[in-house]
Amino acid sequence: MRLGLMGKKQGVVFWVSSVCRSGGGRAGDLEGDDEDDEDVEEEELEAEDFEGINGSSSVLPDRWDVLGLGQAMVDFSGMVDDEFLERLGLEKGTRKLINHEERGRVLRAMDGCSYKAAAGGSLSNSLVALARLGCKPIGGPALNVALAGSVGSDPLGGFYRAKLHRANVNFCSAPIKDGTTGTVIVLTTPDAQRTMLAYQGTSSTINYDSCLASLISKINIFVVEGYLFELPDTIKTITKACEEARRNGALVAVTASDVSCIERHYDDFWEIMGNYADIVFANSDEARAFCHFSSGESPDSATRYLSHFVPLVSVTDGPRGSYIGVKGEAIYIPPSPCVPVDTCGAGDAYASGILYGILRGVSDLKGMGTVAARIAATVVGQQGTRLSVRHAVELAESFSYQLESSNIGSDIGSDHISSL
């Protein structure tokens, strides 16, 4: 099956953490941080390959290939035992919103623990992978990737911005004066279960300001992170941004993010998906939640159902593979072989592969899914959620033979699915 998304002006066919080294320092100490899971050789490769591309210089591009709107939060990740959770009264394996005082209490308890600090977020994982895949003009021009969100003027906000900049993703939003940057404390126990404590800070306030309006007017793909639907004040911003993105000929993509988030904000999700979305990214549980399907329904069925309402649906099903849905049909994508090390971030990596395929002009859905599956397998086969520069360059080079020749220029946009 083949799919073309037609450019509004040209008619072209196309498709759309840095971690502090864990060394027993005090939680919250950001000095001496460096790229996550990358050695010195990797860092030198990154500096060389990214020089002057995608916002690593002071000159910004005339047009962005992808702009994401997401929660800008710093992750603090540490290994703890069950006793640690019990001592703090935390339920293992859950995700909980906490206030400023609770955050301070947990961070103090982590003092002396091995930890990592990262410019985190599901959408930022996808955008970093995409920027690294597109850092060289393989199969098309180098990609320009940006993220908009909300950080404070505190040191954590500066840390977040600097780390994304280093990863070749331009964080475009100005800091909120006297604001407090949001954080997520991720506590992992020996049984590999993660307990997450989210302090939203200023991430709960994203306004449709002149900066965001200016960005929306010159993008090819706009991606909204599903976690933003948890924040009542952001719904109007999301709606306005999606309206403007579509008006300016951009594709609109939505990430599902979390089943509980979908269940709490079901109507808001469908308001955006039904009226604006060209692409939806979900895992099998999230896809079933969107459809109000029981756990016994197959991801194939959920994919086909959703594709009646959204032009392109991407549904991952862990080690069982994935599906791409278009117009009531679902194409099965076998998983790419790998030895699993850490499954966290697999879905984010898969989404980056779909976006990469779109931007590089891949119109064959099976081929696009295969690209995405290989990227996801690469991340699953390593420790950490971020696709490394070296792996990204190798993957992009290996995919170049699959990438169809296309005229991808500054006028790329989308207003409809043209054909199968």
Protein backbone atom coordinates (compact mmCIF):
# COMPACT_ATOMS: atom_id res chain seq x y z
CA MET A 1 0.00 0.00 0.00
CA ARG A 2 1.26 3.48 -0.82
CA LEU A 3 0.22 6.81 0.55
CA GLY A 4 0.83 10.35 -0.61
CA LEU A 5 0.27 13.55 1.32
CA MET A 6 0.03 16.38 -1.15
CA GLY A 7 1.82 19.64 -0.68
CA LYS A 8 -0.56 22.58 -0.59
CA LYS A 9 1.50 24.86 -2.85
CA GLN A 10 3.75 22.56 -4.87
CA GLY A 11 1.68 19.41 -5.12
CA VAL A 12 4.71 17.33 -4.13
CA VAL A 13 4.32 13.95 -2.51
CA PHE A 14 5.97 13.62 0.90
CA TRP A 15 5.65 12.24 4.30
CA VAL A 16 6.24 13.94 8.78
CA SER A 17 19.07 14.15 27.55
CA SER A 18 21.25 14.70 28.10
CA VAL A 19 21.85 13.10 31.43
CA CYS A 20 24.11 14.04 34.23
CA ARG A 21 26.40 11.13 34.83
CA SER A 22 25.17 9.23 37.86
CA GLY A 23 27.98 9.39 40.32
CA GLY A 24 26.56 9.72 43.79
CA GLY A 25 26.25 13.48 43.65
CA ARG A 26 23.45 15.23 45.44
CA ALA A 27 20.08 15.19 43.76
CA GLY A 28 19.54 18.46 41.97
CA ASP A 29 23.24 19.14 41.40
CA LEU A 30 23.52 19.85 37.68
CA GLU A 31 27.23 20.61 37.51
CA GLY A 32 29.41 18.35 35.45
CA ASP A 33 26.52 17.01 33.40
CA ASP A 34 27.17 15.41 30.06
CA GLU A 35 25.45 13.58 27.23
CA ASP A 36 23.56 10.51 28.35
CA ASP A 37 24.94 7.12 27.47
CA GLU A 38 27.51 8.56 25.10
CA ASP A 39 31.29 8.45 25.55
CA VAL A 40 33.84 11.13 24.60
CA GLU A 41 34.18 9.80 21.07
CA GLU A 42 30.42 10.13 20.61
CA GLU A 43 30.47 13.70 21.91
CA GLU A 44 33.17 14.67 19.42
CA LEU A 45 31.14 13.14 16.59
CA GLU A 46 28.10 15.10 17.68
CA ALA A 47 29.91 18.41 17.87
CA GLU A 48 31.36 17.91 14.41
CA ASP A 49 28.23 16.65 12.71
CA PHE A 50 25.85 19.24 14.14
CA GLU A 51 27.92 22.36 13.73
CA GLY A 52 25.83 25.06 12.09
CA ILE A 53 22.73 22.88 11.70
CA ASN A 54 19.29 23.19 13.34
CA GLY A 55 19.83 26.03 15.72
CA SER A 56 23.36 25.16 16.86
CA SER A 57 24.24 28.52 15.38
CA SER A 58 22.61 31.86 16.10
CA VAL A 59 20.90 31.91 12.68
CA LEU A 60 17.48 30.28 12.75
CA PRO A 61 15.99 28.63 9.64
CA ASP A 62 13.31 30.29 7.56
CA ARG A 63 11.13 27.23 8.02
CA TRP A 64 10.99 24.37 10.53
CA ASP A 65 10.44 20.79 9.40
CA VAL A 66 8.89 19.86 12.75
CA LEU A 67 7.69 21.90 15.70
CA GLY A 68 6.60 20.07 18.82
CA LEU A 69 4.41 21.47 21.59
CA GLY A 70 5.07 19.56 24.77
CA GLN A 71 5.77 19.48 28.47
CA ALA A 72 9.26 20.79 29.13
CA MET A 73 10.30 18.99 32.29
CA VAL A 74 13.63 17.92 33.74
CA ASP A 75 13.82 14.24 34.69
CA PHE A 76 15.60 13.12 37.85
CA SER A 77 16.12 9.36 37.59
CA GLY A 78 17.47 7.18 40.34
CA MET A 79 17.70 3.55 41.42
CA VAL A 80 16.00 2.88 44.76
CA ASP A 81 14.81 -0.14 46.72
CA ASP A 82 11.31 -1.01 47.85
CA GLU A 83 12.11 0.23 51.34
CA PHE A 84 12.78 3.72 49.95
CA LEU A 85 9.28 3.83 48.44
CA GLU A 86 7.68 2.49 51.59
CA ARG A 87 9.51 5.04 53.72
CA LEU A 88 8.06 7.86 51.59
CA GLY A 89 4.63 6.27 51.31
CA LEU A 90 4.83 5.88 47.52
CA GLU A 91 2.92 3.24 45.56
CA LYS A 92 5.28 1.39 43.26
CA GLY A 93 4.66 1.55 39.53
CA THR A 94 2.35 4.59 39.60
CA ARG A 95 2.54 8.12 38.20
CA LYS A 96 1.53 10.85 40.62
CA LEU A 97 1.32 14.63 40.50
CA ILE A 98 3.12 16.24 43.44
CA ASN A 99 3.48 19.77 44.80
CA HIS A 100 6.61 21.81 45.48
CA GLU A 101 6.94 20.62 49.08
CA GLU A 102 6.59 16.95 48.14
CA ARG A 103 9.22 17.34 45.45
CA GLY A 104 11.65 18.82 47.93
CA ARG A 105 11.00 15.99 50.38
CA VAL A 106 11.72 13.30 47.78
CA LEU A 107 14.83 15.03 46.43
CA ARG A 108 16.20 15.37 49.95
CA ALA A 109 15.57 11.68 50.52
CA MET A 110 17.53 10.97 47.32
CA ASP A 111 20.58 12.82 48.63
CA GLY A 112 23.55 10.50 48.17
CA CYS A 113 21.71 8.21 45.75
CA SER A 114 22.99 7.50 42.27
CA TYR A 115 20.92 9.64 39.94
CA LYS A 116 20.73 11.19 36.49
CA ALA A 117 19.25 14.50 35.39
CA ALA A 118 17.94 14.83 31.85
CA ALA A 119 16.01 17.20 29.60
CA GLY A 120 13.16 14.75 29.59
CA GLY A 121 9.80 14.21 28.02
CA SER A 122 8.29 11.75 25.59
CA LEU A 123 8.05 14.27 22.76
CA SER A 124 11.58 15.56 23.32
CA ASN A 125 12.83 11.96 22.95
CA SER A 126 11.15 11.76 19.53
CA LEU A 127 12.43 15.16 18.42
CA VAL A 128 16.01 14.46 19.49
CA ALA A 129 15.96 11.19 17.55
CA LEU A 130 14.49 12.95 14.52
CA ALA A 131 17.09 15.73 14.64
CA ARG A 132 19.88 13.18 14.85
CA LEU A 133 18.48 11.11 11.99
CA GLY A 134 18.25 14.28 9.92
CA CYS A 135 21.56 15.86 10.92
CA LYS A 136 23.12 15.14 7.51
CA PRO A 137 21.54 15.63 4.07
CA ILE A 138 21.00 11.91 3.43
CA GLY A 139 17.97 11.42 1.21
CA GLY A 140 17.10 15.10 1.51
CA PRO A 141 18.21 18.33 3.20
CA ALA A 142 19.21 18.40 6.86
CA LEU A 143 16.13 18.66 9.10
CA ASN A 144 15.27 21.65 11.28
CA VAL A 145 13.55 20.59 14.51
CA ALA A 146 12.14 22.74 17.32
CA LEU A 147 10.18 22.39 20.54
CA ALA A 148 7.90 24.91 22.24
CA GLY A 149 6.83 24.61 25.84
CA SER A 150 7.24 26.31 29.16
CA VAL A 151 10.22 26.54 31.49
CA GLY A 152 11.06 28.93 34.29
CA SER A 153 13.95 31.37 34.50
CA ASP A 154 15.57 29.11 37.11
CA PRO A 155 18.74 27.00 36.60
CA LEU A 156 16.67 23.95 35.64
CA GLY A 157 15.12 25.92 32.78
CA GLY A 158 18.57 26.86 31.52
CA PHE A 159 19.68 23.24 31.85
CA TYR A 160 16.71 22.04 29.78
CA ARG A 161 17.28 24.58 27.02
CA ALA A 162 21.02 23.92 26.83
CA LYS A 163 20.61 20.17 26.66
CA LEU A 164 18.08 20.29 23.83
CA HIS A 165 20.29 22.78 22.00
CA ARG A 166 23.20 20.36 22.33
CA ALA A 167 20.99 17.61 20.93
CA ASN A 168 20.23 19.86 17.95
CA VAL A 169 16.63 20.66 18.92
CA ASN A 170 15.90 24.37 19.26
CA PHE A 171 13.81 25.18 22.33
CA CYS A 172 12.02 28.27 21.08
CA SER A 173 9.98 29.47 24.06
CA ALA A 174 11.26 32.25 26.29
CA PRO A 175 11.55 31.41 30.01
CA ILE A 176 8.80 32.54 32.34
CA LYS A 177 10.17 35.16 34.72
CA ASP A 178 10.30 33.86 38.31
CA GLY A 179 8.76 30.58 37.08
CA THR A 180 9.75 27.14 38.33
CA THR A 181 10.65 24.52 35.73
CA GLY A 182 8.67 21.30 35.99
CA THR A 183 10.36 18.07 37.01
CA VAL A 184 9.63 14.36 36.94
CA ILE A 185 11.31 12.18 39.54
CA VAL A 186 11.65 8.65 38.17
CA LEU A 187 12.38 6.04 40.84
CA THR A 188 13.32 2.60 39.49
CA THR A 189 13.35 -0.45 41.75
CA PRO A 190 15.42 -3.61 41.15
CA ASP A 191 12.42 -5.30 39.50
CA ALA A 192 12.60 -2.58 36.77
CA GLN A 193 9.31 -0.96 37.81
CA ARG A 194 9.23 2.83 37.55
CA THR A 195 7.46 5.10 40.01
CA MET A 196 7.05 8.62 38.63
CA LEU A 197 6.39 11.82 40.57
CA ALA A 198 5.57 14.82 38.39
CA TYR A 199 5.83 18.41 39.56
CA GLN A 200 4.32 20.53 36.81
CA GLY A 201 5.70 23.94 37.73
CA THR A 202 5.40 26.33 34.80
CA SER A 203 4.90 23.45 32.36
CA SER A 204 1.19 23.76 33.13
CA THR A 205 1.09 27.22 31.54
CA ILE A 206 1.53 27.39 27.77
CA ASN A 207 -0.02 30.41 26.11
CA TYR A 208 -0.59 31.06 22.43
CA ASP A 209 1.73 34.06 22.33
CA SER A 210 3.38 35.95 19.47
CA CYS A 211 6.40 33.64 19.54
CA LEU A 212 4.31 30.50 19.07
CA ALA A 213 2.16 32.22 16.44
CA SER A 214 5.28 33.13 14.47
CA LEU A 215 6.59 29.56 14.61
CA ILE A 216 3.27 28.04 13.58
CA SER A 217 3.29 30.12 10.40
CA LYS A 218 6.44 28.44 9.08
CA ILE A 219 6.36 24.73 9.89
CA ASN A 220 5.79 21.54 7.92
CA ILE A 221 4.64 19.30 10.76
CA PHE A 222 3.17 20.25 14.14
CA VAL A 223 3.22 17.62 16.91
CA VAL A 224 1.17 17.93 20.11
CA GLU A 225 2.18 15.87 23.14
CA GLY A 226 -0.77 14.11 24.75
CA TYR A 227 0.31 14.91 28.31
CA LEU A 228 -0.63 18.54 27.63
CA PHE A 229 -4.30 17.52 27.67
CA GLU A 230 -3.94 17.03 31.43
CA LEU A 231 -3.48 20.77 31.81
CA PRO A 232 -6.81 22.64 31.57
CA ASP A 233 -5.16 25.94 30.67
CA THR A 234 -3.47 24.46 27.59
CA ILE A 235 -6.55 23.20 25.72
CA LYS A 236 -7.28 26.59 24.18
CA THR A 237 -3.62 26.93 23.18
CA ILE A 238 -3.63 23.49 21.56
CA THR A 239 -6.82 24.25 19.64
CA LYS A 240 -5.59 27.62 18.39
CA ALA A 241 -2.19 26.22 17.43
CA CYS A 242 -3.75 23.32 15.51
CA GLU A 243 -6.12 25.67 13.69
CA GLU A 244 -3.24 27.91 12.63
CA ALA A 245 -1.02 24.98 11.68
CA ARG A 246 -3.66 23.58 9.36
CA ARG A 247 -4.40 27.04 7.97
CA ASN A 248 -0.71 27.39 7.09
CA GLY A 249 -0.59 24.02 5.34
CA ALA A 250 1.15 21.95 8.02
CA LEU A 251 0.41 18.40 9.05
CA VAL A 252 -0.87 18.01 12.61
CA ALA A 253 0.16 15.00 14.71
CA VAL A 254 -1.01 14.00 18.21
CA THR A 255 0.73 11.61 20.60
CA ALA A 256 -1.51 9.61 22.94
CA SER A 257 1.02 9.61 25.83
CA ASP A 258 -0.92 7.68 28.48
CA VAL A 259 -4.10 5.59 28.88
CA SER A 260 -5.18 7.32 32.09
CA CYS A 261 -4.70 10.69 30.43
CA ILE A 262 -6.95 9.60 27.55
CA GLU A 263 -9.62 8.33 29.94
CA ARG A 264 -9.67 11.60 31.90
CA HIS A 265 -9.67 13.86 28.84
CA TYR A 266 -11.34 11.69 26.22
CA ASP A 267 -13.54 14.43 24.76
CA ASP A 268 -10.67 16.92 24.49
CA PHE A 269 -8.51 14.40 22.66
CA TRP A 270 -11.26 13.61 20.18
CA GLU A 271 -12.05 17.29 19.65
CA ILE A 272 -8.50 17.80 18.40
CA MET A 273 -8.12 14.45 16.64
CA GLY A 274 -11.45 14.62 14.88
CA ASN A 275 -11.06 18.20 13.67
CA TYR A 276 -7.34 18.70 13.07
CA ALA A 277 -5.16 15.60 13.31
CA ASP A 278 -3.50 14.08 10.24
CA ILE A 279 -1.47 11.60 12.32
CA VAL A 280 -2.01 9.89 15.68
CA PHE A 281 0.69 7.97 17.55
CA ALA A 282 -0.46 5.43 20.15
CA ASN A 283 0.41 2.09 21.64
CA SER A 284 -2.12 -0.74 21.57
CA ASP A 285 -3.61 0.06 25.01
CA GLU A 286 -3.96 3.75 24.14
CA ALA A 287 -5.52 2.92 20.77
CA ARG A 288 -8.11 0.72 22.48
CA ALA A 289 -8.81 3.53 24.97
CA PHE A 290 -9.50 5.93 22.09
CA CYS A 291 -11.97 3.42 20.65
CA HIS A 292 -13.55 2.43 23.98
CA PHE A 293 -12.53 -1.14 23.11
CA SER A 294 -11.99 -3.83 25.73
CA SER A 295 -8.54 -5.27 26.40
CA GLY A 296 -9.55 -8.33 24.38
CA GLU A 297 -9.81 -6.39 21.13
CA SER A 298 -6.82 -6.69 18.82
CA PRO A 299 -4.58 -3.70 18.02
CA ASP A 300 -5.35 -4.42 14.37
CA SER A 301 -9.05 -3.71 15.02
CA ALA A 302 -8.29 -0.54 16.97
CA THR A 303 -5.97 0.68 14.21
CA ARG A 304 -8.57 0.11 11.52
CA TYR A 305 -11.28 1.81 13.57
CA LEU A 306 -9.19 4.91 14.29
CA SER A 307 -8.12 5.21 10.66
CA HIS A 308 -11.73 5.99 9.69
CA PHE A 309 -11.35 9.28 11.61
CA VAL A 310 -7.64 10.15 11.30
CA PRO A 311 -5.79 9.92 7.94
CA LEU A 312 -2.72 8.10 9.32
CA VAL A 313 -2.69 6.02 12.51
CA SER A 314 0.47 4.52 14.02
CA VAL A 315 -0.06 1.85 16.70
CA THR A 316 2.80 0.01 18.41
CA ASP A 317 2.32 -3.34 20.14
CA GLY A 318 5.65 -3.92 21.87
CA PRO A 319 7.61 -7.03 20.83
CA ARG A 320 4.62 -8.18 18.76
CA GLY A 321 5.19 -5.50 16.13
CA SER A 322 3.16 -2.49 15.03
CA TYR A 323 0.42 -1.31 12.69
CA ILE A 324 -0.11 1.59 10.33
CA GLY A 325 -3.72 2.40 9.53
CA VAL A 326 -5.16 4.30 6.58
CA LYS A 327 -8.80 4.52 5.45
CA GLY A 328 -10.05 1.53 7.41
CA GLU A 329 -7.11 -0.71 6.58
CA ALA A 330 -4.24 -1.73 8.85
CA ILE A 331 -0.80 -2.81 7.67
CA TYR A 332 1.12 -5.07 10.02
CA ILE A 333 4.81 -4.23 10.57
CA PRO A 334 6.89 -7.08 12.04
CA PRO A 335 9.21 -6.16 14.92
CA SER A 336 12.85 -5.55 14.12
CA PRO A 337 15.10 -8.14 15.82
CA CYS A 338 17.05 -7.00 18.88
CA VAL A 339 18.20 -8.12 22.30
CA PRO A 340 16.07 -5.98 24.67
CA VAL A 341 17.96 -3.97 27.26
CA ASP A 342 15.57 -1.12 28.12
CA THR A 343 12.12 -0.76 26.57
CA CYS A 344 11.57 2.78 27.87
CA GLY A 345 11.38 5.21 24.95
CA ALA A 346 10.63 2.60 22.29
CA GLY A 347 7.38 4.26 21.24
CA ASP A 348 9.04 7.68 21.12
CA ALA A 349 11.73 6.28 18.83
CA TYR A 350 9.12 4.63 16.60
CA ALA A 351 7.31 7.94 16.19
CA SER A 352 10.56 9.61 15.12
CA GLY A 353 10.89 6.99 12.38
CA ILE A 354 7.41 7.72 11.03
CA LEU A 355 8.11 11.46 11.03
CA TYR A 356 11.47 10.86 9.38
CA GLY A 357 9.86 8.75 6.67
CA ILE A 358 7.26 11.42 5.99
CA LEU A 359 9.83 14.19 5.69
CA ARG A 360 12.10 12.08 3.47
CA GLY A 361 9.29 11.34 1.02
CA VAL A 362 8.61 7.67 1.79
CA SER A 363 5.15 6.86 0.45
CA ASP A 364 5.30 3.09 0.93
CA LEU A 365 3.68 2.39 4.31
CA LYS A 366 5.36 -0.97 4.84
CA GLY A 367 8.75 0.62 4.19
CA MET A 368 7.99 3.51 6.51
CA GLY A 369 6.96 1.16 9.31
CA THR A 370 10.07 -0.94 8.80
CA VAL A 371 12.24 2.16 9.19
CA ALA A 372 10.40 3.09 12.39
CA ALA A 373 10.66 -0.45 13.79
CA ARG A 374 14.42 -0.53 13.24
CA ILE A 375 14.86 2.79 15.02
CA ALA A 376 12.76 1.55 17.94
CA ALA A 377 14.73 -1.71 18.12
CA THR A 378 17.98 0.25 18.27
CA VAL A 379 16.75 2.18 21.31
CA VAL A 380 15.35 -0.96 22.98
CA GLY A 381 18.75 -2.60 22.55
CA GLN A 382 20.55 0.07 24.60
CA GLN A 383 20.33 1.63 28.04
CA GLY A 384 18.51 4.97 27.93
CA THR A 385 15.70 6.52 25.90
CA ARG A 386 17.67 8.61 23.40
CA LEU A 387 18.87 7.50 19.98
CA SER A 388 22.62 8.20 19.88
CA VAL A 389 24.22 10.27 17.15
CA ARG A 390 26.29 7.37 15.88
CA HIS A 391 23.32 5.04 15.61
CA ALA A 392 21.22 7.76 14.00
CA VAL A 393 23.79 8.44 11.28
CA GLU A 394 24.22 4.71 10.60
CA LEU A 395 20.46 4.20 10.39
CA ALA A 396 19.94 7.20 8.11
CA GLU A 397 22.65 5.95 5.77
CA SER A 398 21.17 2.43 5.69
CA PHE A 399 17.73 3.83 4.93
CA SER A 400 18.87 6.06 2.08
CA TYR A 401 18.21 3.38 -0.54
CA GLN A 402 14.56 3.24 0.58
CA LEU A 403 13.98 6.95 0.42
CA GLU A 404 12.19 8.02 -2.70
CA SER A 405 13.33 11.06 -4.56
CA SER A 406 11.12 14.01 -3.72
CA ASN A 407 11.21 17.76 -3.98
CA ILE A 408 11.13 18.80 -0.32
CA GLY A 409 11.30 22.54 -0.03
CA SER A 410 10.15 25.49 2.02
CA ASP A 411 6.60 25.27 0.71
CA ILE A 412 5.85 21.80 2.09
CA GLY A 413 2.46 21.59 3.72
CA SER A 414 -0.51 19.26 3.73
CA ASP A 415 -4.19 19.58 3.26
CA HIS A 416 -5.36 16.06 2.49
CA ILE A 417 -4.49 12.43 1.94
CA SER A 418 -4.39 12.12 -1.81
CA SER A 419 -4.36 8.45 -2.61
CA LEU A 420 -3.50 4.92 -1.53
